């Protein structure tokens, strides 16, 4: 059985280029809190986990502890074609990942959440 951080990372690795997921969405799928998903993203291995594809429930890049927006996250999302409106929000209806299908769970040898 995978630890919760590894389960979070496996889910985030399933978010395709050009799509985003919210912390709450990942948390629900991983069976943990949105805060825990945020902590996991803060220490994610950046060479393998597309951490930049996880944003807050308002469709925005979360403010860092120093009070600034993560310019690198914005740049990476821009490069994937994710568009932000004038308020810095992503249209979640258009860009939000709809989550894994049943075959993905089986391929990853994970049990889907009981939602």
Protein backbone atom coordinates (compact mmCIF):
# COMPACT_ATOMS: atom_id res chain seq x y z
CA UNK A 1 0.00 0.00 0.00
CA UNK A 2 1.33 3.43 -0.93
CA UNK A 3 1.84 6.18 1.63
CA UNK A 4 -0.42 9.20 1.29
CA UNK A 5 2.28 11.43 -0.28
CA UNK A 6 3.11 8.80 -2.89
CA UNK A 7 -0.61 8.36 -3.64
CA UNK A 8 -0.89 12.16 -4.06
CA UNK A 9 2.14 12.22 -6.37
CA UNK A 10 0.79 9.32 -8.43
CA UNK A 11 -2.49 11.16 -8.89
CA UNK A 12 -0.78 14.43 -9.83
CA UNK A 13 1.37 12.59 -12.37
CA UNK A 14 -1.93 11.58 -14.00
CA UNK A 15 -2.99 15.20 -14.61
CA UNK A 16 -2.30 15.71 -18.32
CA UNK A 17 -0.46 18.62 -19.85
CA UNK A 18 -2.87 21.51 -20.44
CA UNK A 19 -5.10 20.59 -17.48
CA UNK A 20 -5.11 21.52 -13.79
CA UNK A 21 -6.44 19.93 -10.62
CA UNK A 22 -7.30 21.57 -7.32
CA UNK A 23 -5.78 20.67 -3.97
CA UNK A 24 -9.22 19.58 -2.80
CA UNK A 25 -9.77 17.42 -5.86
CA UNK A 26 -6.44 15.63 -5.39
CA UNK A 27 -7.10 15.30 -1.65
CA UNK A 28 -10.52 13.72 -2.20
CA UNK A 29 -9.05 11.20 -4.64
CA UNK A 30 -6.10 10.47 -2.33
CA UNK A 31 -8.23 10.18 0.79
CA UNK A 32 -6.63 13.02 2.71
CA UNK A 33 -7.17 16.71 3.49
CA UNK A 34 -6.54 19.53 1.02
CA UNK A 35 -3.95 20.90 3.46
CA UNK A 36 -2.09 17.59 3.38
CA UNK A 37 -2.16 17.64 -0.43
CA UNK A 38 -0.69 21.16 -0.25
CA UNK A 39 2.08 20.01 2.07
CA UNK A 40 2.86 17.17 -0.32
CA UNK A 41 3.07 19.56 -3.28
CA UNK A 42 5.42 21.84 -1.32
CA UNK A 43 7.97 19.01 -1.05
CA UNK A 44 7.19 17.20 -4.32
CA UNK A 45 10.12 15.99 -6.42
CA UNK A 46 9.99 18.64 -9.15
CA UNK A 47 11.74 16.47 -11.73
CA UNK A 48 8.96 13.84 -11.77
CA UNK A 49 5.78 15.37 -10.30
CA UNK A 50 4.03 18.12 -12.30
CA UNK A 51 3.36 20.11 -9.11
CA UNK A 52 2.53 23.22 -11.11
CA UNK A 53 -0.74 21.66 -12.32
CA UNK A 54 -2.27 21.82 -8.83
CA UNK A 55 -4.00 25.10 -7.97
CA UNK A 56 -6.51 26.29 -5.40
CA UNK A 57 -10.28 25.89 -5.55
CA UNK A 58 -10.74 29.46 -6.80
CA UNK A 59 -8.73 28.57 -9.90
CA UNK A 60 -5.73 30.57 -8.75
CA UNK A 61 -2.11 29.86 -7.99
CA UNK A 62 -1.86 29.80 -4.21
CA UNK A 63 0.06 32.58 -2.52
CA UNK A 64 3.44 31.46 -1.18
CA UNK A 65 4.46 31.91 2.45
CA UNK A 66 6.33 35.08 1.46
CA UNK A 67 3.10 36.56 0.10
CA UNK A 68 4.03 36.33 -3.58
CA UNK A 69 2.57 34.38 -6.48
CA UNK A 70 4.83 31.63 -7.78
CA UNK A 71 6.04 33.07 -11.10
CA UNK A 72 7.55 29.71 -12.09
CA UNK A 73 4.19 27.98 -11.68
CA UNK A 74 2.53 30.68 -13.78
CA UNK A 75 5.21 30.32 -16.48
CA UNK A 76 4.90 26.52 -16.59
CA UNK A 77 1.10 26.68 -16.86
CA UNK A 78 1.31 29.40 -19.53
CA UNK A 79 3.66 27.13 -21.51
CA UNK A 80 1.04 24.37 -21.38
CA UNK A 81 -1.66 26.64 -22.78
CA UNK A 82 -3.49 27.24 -19.49
CA UNK A 83 -5.09 30.68 -19.72
CA UNK A 84 -5.60 33.06 -16.81
CA UNK A 85 -8.18 35.83 -16.73
CA UNK A 86 -7.48 39.41 -15.61
CA UNK A 87 -7.92 38.35 -11.96
CA UNK A 88 -5.34 35.58 -12.29
CA UNK A 89 -7.91 32.79 -12.37
CA UNK A 90 -8.10 29.69 -14.52
CA UNK A 91 -11.47 28.74 -15.99
CA UNK A 92 -11.92 25.43 -14.17
CA UNK A 93 -14.83 24.45 -16.40
CA UNK A 94 -12.46 24.55 -19.35
CA UNK A 95 -9.13 23.48 -17.85
CA UNK A 96 -9.89 21.27 -14.85
CA UNK A 97 -8.89 17.62 -15.13
CA UNK A 98 -11.90 15.36 -14.69
CA UNK A 99 -9.93 12.76 -12.77
CA UNK A 100 -8.81 9.25 -13.57
CA UNK A 101 -11.05 6.62 -15.06
CA UNK A 102 -11.41 3.09 -13.68
CA UNK A 103 -8.70 1.66 -15.93
CA UNK A 104 -6.19 4.24 -14.61
CA UNK A 105 -6.79 3.08 -11.02
CA UNK A 106 -6.22 -0.53 -12.11
CA UNK A 107 -3.07 0.38 -14.09
CA UNK A 108 -1.65 2.14 -11.02
CA UNK A 109 -2.69 -0.80 -8.81
CA UNK A 110 -4.62 1.60 -6.58
CA UNK A 111 -8.08 1.35 -5.12
CA UNK A 112 -10.34 4.21 -6.19
CA UNK A 113 -11.72 6.34 -3.37
CA UNK A 114 -15.13 5.56 -1.96
CA UNK A 115 -16.79 8.84 -2.95
